[in-house]
Amino acid sequence: MILPQKAYEIIRWIVVIVLPALITLYGVIGSTFDLAYTQQIITVAIALDTCLGTIFQISKINFDREQKFLEEIEGK
């Protein structure tokens, strides 16, 4: 395990909850006030958040699979 569980959960919460909310907020404010490059910034931010979300989901699947395997070994 590279990250402690607590750090992992905090980063995952940021990626899954905070970043999408902030991207949406920026998009609404940027569109409302006609800020320059709003669409480009939102596109890049969504791509980054999607990439991070995918990495964390794959990591979670692998971790859960490993935990299940270890539990099966210990149970036998």
PDB file of N, CA and C in Angstrom:
ATOM      1  N   MET A   1       0.852  -1.174   0.000  1.00  0.00           N
ATOM      2  CA  MET A   1       0.000   0.000   0.000  1.00  0.00           C
ATOM      3  C   MET A   1       0.898   1.238   0.000  1.00  0.00           C
ATOM      4  N   ILE A   2       0.670   2.120  -0.959  1.00  0.00           N
ATOM      5  CA  ILE A   2       1.484   3.321  -1.079  1.00  0.00           C
ATOM      6  C   ILE A   2       0.970   4.428  -0.173  1.00  0.00           C
ATOM      7  N   LEU A   3      -0.336   4.645  -0.160  1.00  0.00           N
ATOM      8  CA  LEU A   3      -0.943   5.689   0.666  1.00  0.00           C
ATOM      9  C   LEU A   3      -1.588   5.084   1.901  1.00  0.00           C
ATOM     10  N   PRO A   4      -1.492   5.769   3.027  1.00  0.00           N
ATOM     11  CA  PRO A   4      -2.279   5.319   4.185  1.00  0.00           C
ATOM     12  C   PRO A   4      -3.772   5.396   3.846  1.00  0.00           C
ATOM     13  N   GLN A   5      -4.556   4.551   4.436  1.00  0.00           N
ATOM     14  CA  GLN A   5      -5.991   4.467   4.143  1.00  0.00           C
ATOM     15  C   GLN A   5      -6.694   5.806   4.310  1.00  0.00           C
ATOM     16  N   LYS A   6      -6.369   6.537   5.370  1.00  0.00           N
ATOM     17  CA  LYS A   6      -7.017   7.835   5.631  1.00  0.00           C
ATOM     18  C   LYS A   6      -6.719   8.831   4.514  1.00  0.00           C
ATOM     19  N   ALA A   7      -5.462   8.902   4.071  1.00  0.00           N
ATOM     20  CA  ALA A   7      -5.085   9.807   2.984  1.00  0.00           C
ATOM     21  C   ALA A   7      -5.792   9.418   1.699  1.00  0.00           C
ATOM     22  N   TYR A   8      -5.848   8.124   1.431  1.00  0.00           N
ATOM     23  CA  TYR A   8      -6.538   7.626   0.238  1.00  0.00           C
ATOM     24  C   TYR A   8      -8.004   8.047   0.240  1.00  0.00           C
ATOM     25  N   GLU A   9      -8.678   7.872   1.365  1.00  0.00           N
ATOM     26  CA  GLU A   9     -10.100   8.229   1.461  1.00  0.00           C
ATOM     27  C   GLU A   9     -10.311   9.728   1.281  1.00  0.00           C
ATOM     28  N   ILE A  10      -9.420  10.552   1.815  1.00  0.00           N
ATOM     29  CA  ILE A  10      -9.543  12.009   1.664  1.00  0.00           C
ATOM     30  C   ILE A  10      -9.370  12.401   0.199  1.00  0.00           C
ATOM     31  N   ILE A  11      -8.341  11.863  -0.449  1.00  0.00           N
ATOM     32  CA  ILE A  11      -8.102  12.188  -1.856  1.00  0.00           C
ATOM     33  C   ILE A  11      -9.252  11.689  -2.720  1.00  0.00           C
ATOM     34  N   ARG A  12      -9.726  10.495  -2.426  1.00  0.00           N
ATOM     35  CA  ARG A  12     -10.854   9.942  -3.190  1.00  0.00           C
ATOM     36  C   ARG A  12     -12.096  10.811  -3.022  1.00  0.00           C
ATOM     37  N   TRP A  13     -12.355  11.306  -1.822  1.00  0.00           N
ATOM     38  CA  TRP A  13     -13.494  12.194  -1.557  1.00  0.00           C
ATOM     39  C   TRP A  13     -13.351  13.481  -2.363  1.00  0.00           C
ATOM     40  N   ILE A  14     -12.138  14.018  -2.423  1.00  0.00           N
ATOM     41  CA  ILE A  14     -11.899  15.235  -3.206  1.00  0.00           C
ATOM     42  C   ILE A  14     -12.177  14.978  -4.682  1.00  0.00           C
ATOM     43  N   VAL A  15     -11.679  13.855  -5.197  1.00  0.00           N
ATOM     44  CA  VAL A  15     -11.842  13.536  -6.622  1.00  0.00           C
ATOM     45  C   VAL A  15     -13.305  13.269  -6.967  1.00  0.00           C
ATOM     46  N   VAL A  16     -14.024  12.582  -6.097  1.00  0.00           N
ATOM     47  CA  VAL A  16     -15.397  12.162  -6.406  1.00  0.00           C
ATOM     48  C   VAL A  16     -16.436  13.239  -6.077  1.00  0.00           C
ATOM     49  N   ILE A  17     -16.208  14.025  -5.040  1.00  0.00           N
ATOM     50  CA  ILE A  17     -17.220  14.986  -4.589  1.00  0.00           C
ATOM     51  C   ILE A  17     -16.816  16.441  -4.847  1.00  0.00           C
ATOM     52  N   VAL A  18     -15.645  16.819  -4.359  1.00  0.00           N
ATOM     53  CA  VAL A  18     -15.258  18.231  -4.354  1.00  0.00           C
ATOM     54  C   VAL A  18     -14.950  18.757  -5.758  1.00  0.00           C
ATOM     55  N   LEU A  19     -14.087  18.056  -6.503  1.00  0.00           N
ATOM     56  CA  LEU A  19     -13.700  18.557  -7.824  1.00  0.00           C
ATOM     57  C   LEU A  19     -14.891  18.718  -8.777  1.00  0.00           C
ATOM     58  N   PRO A  20     -15.777  17.720  -8.896  1.00  0.00           N
ATOM     59  CA  PRO A  20     -16.932  17.939  -9.785  1.00  0.00           C
ATOM     60  C   PRO A  20     -17.795  19.132  -9.358  1.00  0.00           C
ATOM     61  N   ALA A  21     -17.953  19.317  -8.053  1.00  0.00           N
ATOM     62  CA  ALA A  21     -18.742  20.454  -7.569  1.00  0.00           C
ATOM     63  C   ALA A  21     -18.065  21.781  -7.917  1.00  0.00           C
ATOM     64  N   LEU A  22     -16.751  21.852  -7.732  1.00  0.00           N
ATOM     65  CA  LEU A  22     -16.024  23.079  -8.056  1.00  0.00           C
ATOM     66  C   LEU A  22     -16.007  23.351  -9.563  1.00  0.00           C
ATOM     67  N   ILE A  23     -15.864  22.302 -10.353  1.00  0.00           N
ATOM     68  CA  ILE A  23     -15.883  22.465 -11.814  1.00  0.00           C
ATOM     69  C   ILE A  23     -17.244  23.000 -12.253  1.00  0.00           C
ATOM     70  N   THR A  24     -18.308  22.454 -11.701  1.00  0.00           N
ATOM     71  CA  THR A  24     -19.653  22.929 -12.028  1.00  0.00           C
ATOM     72  C   THR A  24     -19.837  24.378 -11.600  1.00  0.00           C
ATOM     73  N   LEU A  25     -19.395  24.704 -10.393  1.00  0.00           N
ATOM     74  CA  LEU A  25     -19.503  26.081  -9.900  1.00  0.00           C
ATOM     75  C   LEU A  25     -18.762  27.038 -10.820  1.00  0.00           C
ATOM     76  N   TYR A  26     -17.532  26.687 -11.184  1.00  0.00           N
ATOM     77  CA  TYR A  26     -16.759  27.548 -12.077  1.00  0.00           C
ATOM     78  C   TYR A  26     -17.449  27.687 -13.437  1.00  0.00           C
ATOM     79  N   GLY A  27     -17.997  26.588 -13.937  1.00  0.00           N
ATOM     80  CA  GLY A  27     -18.678  26.638 -15.222  1.00  0.00           C
ATOM     81  C   GLY A  27     -19.876  27.571 -15.208  1.00  0.00           C
ATOM     82  N   VAL A  28     -20.665  27.502 -14.155  1.00  0.00           N
ATOM     83  CA  VAL A  28     -21.848  28.358 -14.054  1.00  0.00           C
ATOM     84  C   VAL A  28     -21.433  29.822 -13.907  1.00  0.00           C
ATOM     85  N   ILE A  29     -20.479  30.082 -13.029  1.00  0.00           N
ATOM     86  CA  ILE A  29     -20.027  31.464 -12.832  1.00  0.00           C
ATOM     87  C   ILE A  29     -19.347  31.993 -14.100  1.00  0.00           C
ATOM     88  N   GLY A  30     -18.492  31.170 -14.699  1.00  0.00           N
ATOM     89  CA  GLY A  30     -17.795  31.588 -15.915  1.00  0.00           C
ATOM     90  C   GLY A  30     -18.747  31.884 -17.059  1.00  0.00           C
ATOM     91  N   SER A  31     -19.759  31.057 -17.224  1.00  0.00           N
ATOM     92  CA  SER A  31     -20.742  31.287 -18.286  1.00  0.00           C
ATOM     93  C   SER A  31     -21.597  32.511 -17.995  1.00  0.00           C
ATOM     94  N   THR A  32     -21.966  32.674 -16.743  1.00  0.00           N
ATOM     95  CA  THR A  32     -22.803  33.801 -16.363  1.00  0.00           C
ATOM     96  C   THR A  32     -22.095  35.134 -16.607  1.00  0.00           C
ATOM     97  N   PHE A  33     -20.829  35.204 -16.237  1.00  0.00           N
ATOM     98  CA  PHE A  33     -20.074  36.452 -16.380  1.00  0.00           C
ATOM     99  C   PHE A  33     -19.230  36.495 -17.648  1.00  0.00           C
ATOM    100  N   ASP A  34     -19.414  35.510 -18.517  1.00  0.00           N
ATOM    101  CA  ASP A  34     -18.731  35.462 -19.812  1.00  0.00           C
ATOM    102  C   ASP A  34     -17.208  35.571 -19.652  1.00  0.00           C
ATOM    103  N   LEU A  35     -16.668  34.765 -18.725  1.00  0.00           N
ATOM    104  CA  LEU A  35     -15.222  34.761 -18.494  1.00  0.00           C
ATOM    105  C   LEU A  35     -14.507  34.088 -19.662  1.00  0.00           C
ATOM    106  N   ALA A  36     -13.323  34.572 -19.946  1.00  0.00           N
ATOM    107  CA  ALA A  36     -12.542  34.050 -21.059  1.00  0.00           C
ATOM    108  C   ALA A  36     -12.127  32.600 -20.790  1.00  0.00           C
ATOM    109  N   TYR A  37     -12.153  31.787 -21.824  1.00  0.00           N
ATOM    110  CA  TYR A  37     -11.680  30.396 -21.806  1.00  0.00           C
ATOM    111  C   TYR A  37     -12.429  29.494 -20.826  1.00  0.00           C
ATOM    112  N   THR A  38     -13.629  29.869 -20.445  1.00  0.00           N
ATOM    113  CA  THR A  38     -14.397  29.051 -19.504  1.00  0.00           C
ATOM    114  C   THR A  38     -14.590  27.632 -20.030  1.00  0.00           C
ATOM    115  N   GLN A  39     -14.997  27.497 -21.269  1.00  0.00           N
ATOM    116  CA  GLN A  39     -15.254  26.168 -21.832  1.00  0.00           C
ATOM    117  C   GLN A  39     -13.988  25.318 -21.878  1.00  0.00           C
ATOM    118  N   GLN A  40     -12.873  25.923 -22.246  1.00  0.00           N
ATOM    119  CA  GLN A  40     -11.616  25.183 -22.320  1.00  0.00           C
ATOM    120  C   GLN A  40     -11.154  24.735 -20.937  1.00  0.00           C
ATOM    121  N   ILE A  41     -11.285  25.598 -19.959  1.00  0.00           N
ATOM    122  CA  ILE A  41     -10.883  25.267 -18.586  1.00  0.00           C
ATOM    123  C   ILE A  41     -11.754  24.141 -18.040  1.00  0.00           C
ATOM    124  N   ILE A  42     -13.048  24.226 -18.284  1.00  0.00           N
ATOM    125  CA  ILE A  42     -13.961  23.181 -17.814  1.00  0.00           C
ATOM    126  C   ILE A  42     -13.629  21.846 -18.488  1.00  0.00           C
ATOM    127  N   THR A  43     -13.370  21.880 -19.788  1.00  0.00           N
ATOM    128  CA  THR A  43     -13.051  20.649 -20.518  1.00  0.00           C
ATOM    129  C   THR A  43     -11.804  19.979 -19.953  1.00  0.00           C
ATOM    130  N   VAL A  44     -10.761  20.752 -19.715  1.00  0.00           N
ATOM    131  CA  VAL A  44      -9.522  20.204 -19.163  1.00  0.00           C
ATOM    132  C   VAL A  44      -9.748  19.693 -17.740  1.00  0.00           C
ATOM    133  N   ALA A  45     -10.486  20.448 -16.931  1.00  0.00           N
ATOM    134  CA  ALA A  45     -10.736  20.038 -15.547  1.00  0.00           C
ATOM    135  C   ALA A  45     -11.545  18.744 -15.487  1.00  0.00           C
ATOM    136  N   ILE A  46     -12.553  18.618 -16.344  1.00  0.00           N
ATOM    137  CA  ILE A  46     -13.359  17.392 -16.375  1.00  0.00           C
ATOM    138  C   ILE A  46     -12.502  16.209 -16.816  1.00  0.00           C
ATOM    139  N   ALA A  47     -11.653  16.427 -17.822  1.00  0.00           N
ATOM    140  CA  ALA A  47     -10.774  15.348 -18.283  1.00  0.00           C
ATOM    141  C   ALA A  47      -9.835  14.908 -17.155  1.00  0.00           C
ATOM    142  N   LEU A  48      -9.271  15.844 -16.426  1.00  0.00           N
ATOM    143  CA  LEU A  48      -8.387  15.527 -15.306  1.00  0.00           C
ATOM    144  C   LEU A  48      -9.132  14.771 -14.211  1.00  0.00           C
ATOM    145  N   ASP A  49     -10.312  15.248 -13.856  1.00  0.00           N
ATOM    146  CA  ASP A  49     -11.086  14.596 -12.807  1.00  0.00           C
ATOM    147  C   ASP A  49     -11.514  13.191 -13.227  1.00  0.00           C
ATOM    148  N   THR A  50     -11.896  13.028 -14.489  1.00  0.00           N
ATOM    149  CA  THR A  50     -12.273  11.705 -14.988  1.00  0.00           C
ATOM    150  C   THR A  50     -11.095  10.749 -14.929  1.00  0.00           C
ATOM    151  N   CYS A  51      -9.924  11.229 -15.327  1.00  0.00           N
ATOM    152  CA  CYS A  51      -8.719  10.403 -15.280  1.00  0.00           C
ATOM    153  C   CYS A  51      -8.407   9.987 -13.837  1.00  0.00           C
ATOM    154  N   LEU A  52      -8.431  10.937 -12.923  1.00  0.00           N
ATOM    155  CA  LEU A  52      -8.164  10.617 -11.514  1.00  0.00           C
ATOM    156  C   LEU A  52      -9.214   9.661 -10.956  1.00  0.00           C
ATOM    157  N   GLY A  53     -10.470   9.895 -11.292  1.00  0.00           N
ATOM    158  CA  GLY A  53     -11.534   9.006 -10.828  1.00  0.00           C
ATOM    159  C   GLY A  53     -11.350   7.585 -11.327  1.00  0.00           C
ATOM    160  N   THR A  54     -10.935   7.457 -12.579  1.00  0.00           N
ATOM    161  CA  THR A  54     -10.693   6.127 -13.147  1.00  0.00           C
ATOM    162  C   THR A  54      -9.541   5.433 -12.441  1.00  0.00           C
ATOM    163  N   ILE A  55      -8.465   6.160 -12.216  1.00  0.00           N
ATOM    164  CA  ILE A  55      -7.307   5.588 -11.522  1.00  0.00           C
ATOM    165  C   ILE A  55      -7.689   5.138 -10.118  1.00  0.00           C
ATOM    166  N   PHE A  56      -8.431   5.962  -9.400  1.00  0.00           N
ATOM    167  CA  PHE A  56      -8.825   5.595  -8.042  1.00  0.00           C
ATOM    168  C   PHE A  56      -9.798   4.432  -8.033  1.00  0.00           C
ATOM    169  N   GLN A  57     -10.688   4.354  -9.028  1.00  0.00           N
ATOM    170  CA  GLN A  57     -11.632   3.234  -9.082  1.00  0.00           C
ATOM    171  C   GLN A  57     -10.900   1.922  -9.365  1.00  0.00           C
ATOM    172  N   ILE A  58      -9.961   1.955 -10.298  1.00  0.00           N
ATOM    173  CA  ILE A  58      -9.169   0.753 -10.589  1.00  0.00           C
ATOM    174  C   ILE A  58      -8.384   0.334  -9.359  1.00  0.00           C
ATOM    175  N   SER A  59      -7.814   1.313  -8.671  1.00  0.00           N
ATOM    176  CA  SER A  59      -7.064   1.027  -7.452  1.00  0.00           C
ATOM    177  C   SER A  59      -7.961   0.380  -6.398  1.00  0.00           C
ATOM    178  N   LYS A  60      -9.178   0.903  -6.249  1.00  0.00           N
ATOM    179  CA  LYS A  60     -10.115   0.356  -5.272  1.00  0.00           C
ATOM    180  C   LYS A  60     -10.514  -1.075  -5.628  1.00  0.00           C
ATOM    181  N   ILE A  61     -10.779  -1.329  -6.906  1.00  0.00           N
ATOM    182  CA  ILE A  61     -11.145  -2.676  -7.342  1.00  0.00           C
ATOM    183  C   ILE A  61     -10.016  -3.654  -7.037  1.00  0.00           C
ATOM    184  N   ASN A  62      -8.789  -3.272  -7.364  1.00  0.00           N
ATOM    185  CA  ASN A  62      -7.641  -4.141  -7.102  1.00  0.00           C
ATOM    186  C   ASN A  62      -7.446  -4.372  -5.606  1.00  0.00           C
ATOM    187  N   PHE A  63      -7.604  -3.319  -4.811  1.00  0.00           N
ATOM    188  CA  PHE A  63      -7.448  -3.443  -3.361  1.00  0.00           C
ATOM    189  C   PHE A  63      -8.511  -4.365  -2.789  1.00  0.00           C
ATOM    190  N   ASP A  64      -9.767  -4.169  -3.212  1.00  0.00           N
ATOM    191  CA  ASP A  64     -10.860  -5.019  -2.726  1.00  0.00           C
ATOM    192  C   ASP A  64     -10.647  -6.480  -3.119  1.00  0.00           C
ATOM    193  N   ARG A  65     -10.183  -6.706  -4.336  1.00  0.00           N
ATOM    194  CA  ARG A  65      -9.913  -8.059  -4.807  1.00  0.00           C
ATOM    195  C   ARG A  65      -8.816  -8.707  -3.958  1.00  0.00           C
ATOM    196  N   GLU A  66      -7.766  -7.945  -3.664  1.00  0.00           N
ATOM    197  CA  GLU A  66      -6.664  -8.466  -2.846  1.00  0.00           C
ATOM    198  C   GLU A  66      -7.138  -8.766  -1.425  1.00  0.00           C
ATOM    199  N   GLN A  67      -7.957  -7.886  -0.867  1.00  0.00           N
ATOM    200  CA  GLN A  67      -8.481  -8.104   0.481  1.00  0.00           C
ATOM    201  C   GLN A  67      -9.345  -9.363   0.531  1.00  0.00           C
ATOM    202  N   LYS A  68     -10.188  -9.553  -0.476  1.00  0.00           N
ATOM    203  CA  LYS A  68     -11.048 -10.742  -0.524  1.00  0.00           C
ATOM    204  C   LYS A  68     -10.203 -12.006  -0.614  1.00  0.00           C
ATOM    205  N   PHE A  69      -9.156 -11.972  -1.435  1.00  0.00           N
ATOM    206  CA  PHE A  69      -8.251 -13.108  -1.579  1.00  0.00           C
ATOM    207  C   PHE A  69      -7.573 -13.433  -0.250  1.00  0.00           C
ATOM    208  N   LEU A  70      -7.094 -12.399   0.449  1.00  0.00           N
ATOM    209  CA  LEU A  70      -6.428 -12.612   1.736  1.00  0.00           C
ATOM    210  C   LEU A  70      -7.395 -13.168   2.770  1.00  0.00           C
ATOM    211  N   GLU A  71      -8.647 -12.692   2.755  1.00  0.00           N
ATOM    212  CA  GLU A  71      -9.643 -13.205   3.684  1.00  0.00           C
ATOM    213  C   GLU A  71      -9.956 -14.680   3.406  1.00  0.00           C
ATOM    214  N   GLU A  72      -9.995 -15.050   2.127  1.00  0.00           N
ATOM    215  CA  GLU A  72     -10.247 -16.446   1.782  1.00  0.00           C
ATOM    216  C   GLU A  72      -9.101 -17.340   2.230  1.00  0.00           C
ATOM    217  N   ILE A  73      -7.881 -16.856   2.076  1.00  0.00           N
ATOM    218  CA  ILE A  73      -6.723 -17.645   2.507  1.00  0.00           C
ATOM    219  C   ILE A  73      -6.719 -17.812   4.015  1.00  0.00           C
ATOM    220  N   GLU A  74      -6.992 -16.745   4.748  1.00  0.00           N
ATOM    221  CA  GLU A  74      -7.003 -16.803   6.205  1.00  0.00           C
ATOM    222  C   GLU A  74      -8.147 -17.669   6.731  1.00  0.00           C
ATOM    223  N   GLY A  75      -9.256 -17.679   5.992  1.00  0.00           N
ATOM    224  CA  GLY A  75     -10.421 -18.453   6.414  1.00  0.00           C
ATOM    225  C   GLY A  75     -10.260 -19.936   6.213  1.00  0.00           C
ATOM    226  N   LYS A  76      -9.318 -20.361   5.400  1.00  0.00           N
ATOM    227  CA  LYS A  76      -9.154 -21.783   5.114  1.00  0.00           C
ATOM    228  C   LYS A  76      -8.168 -22.431   6.023  1.00  0.00           C
TER     229      LYS A  76
END
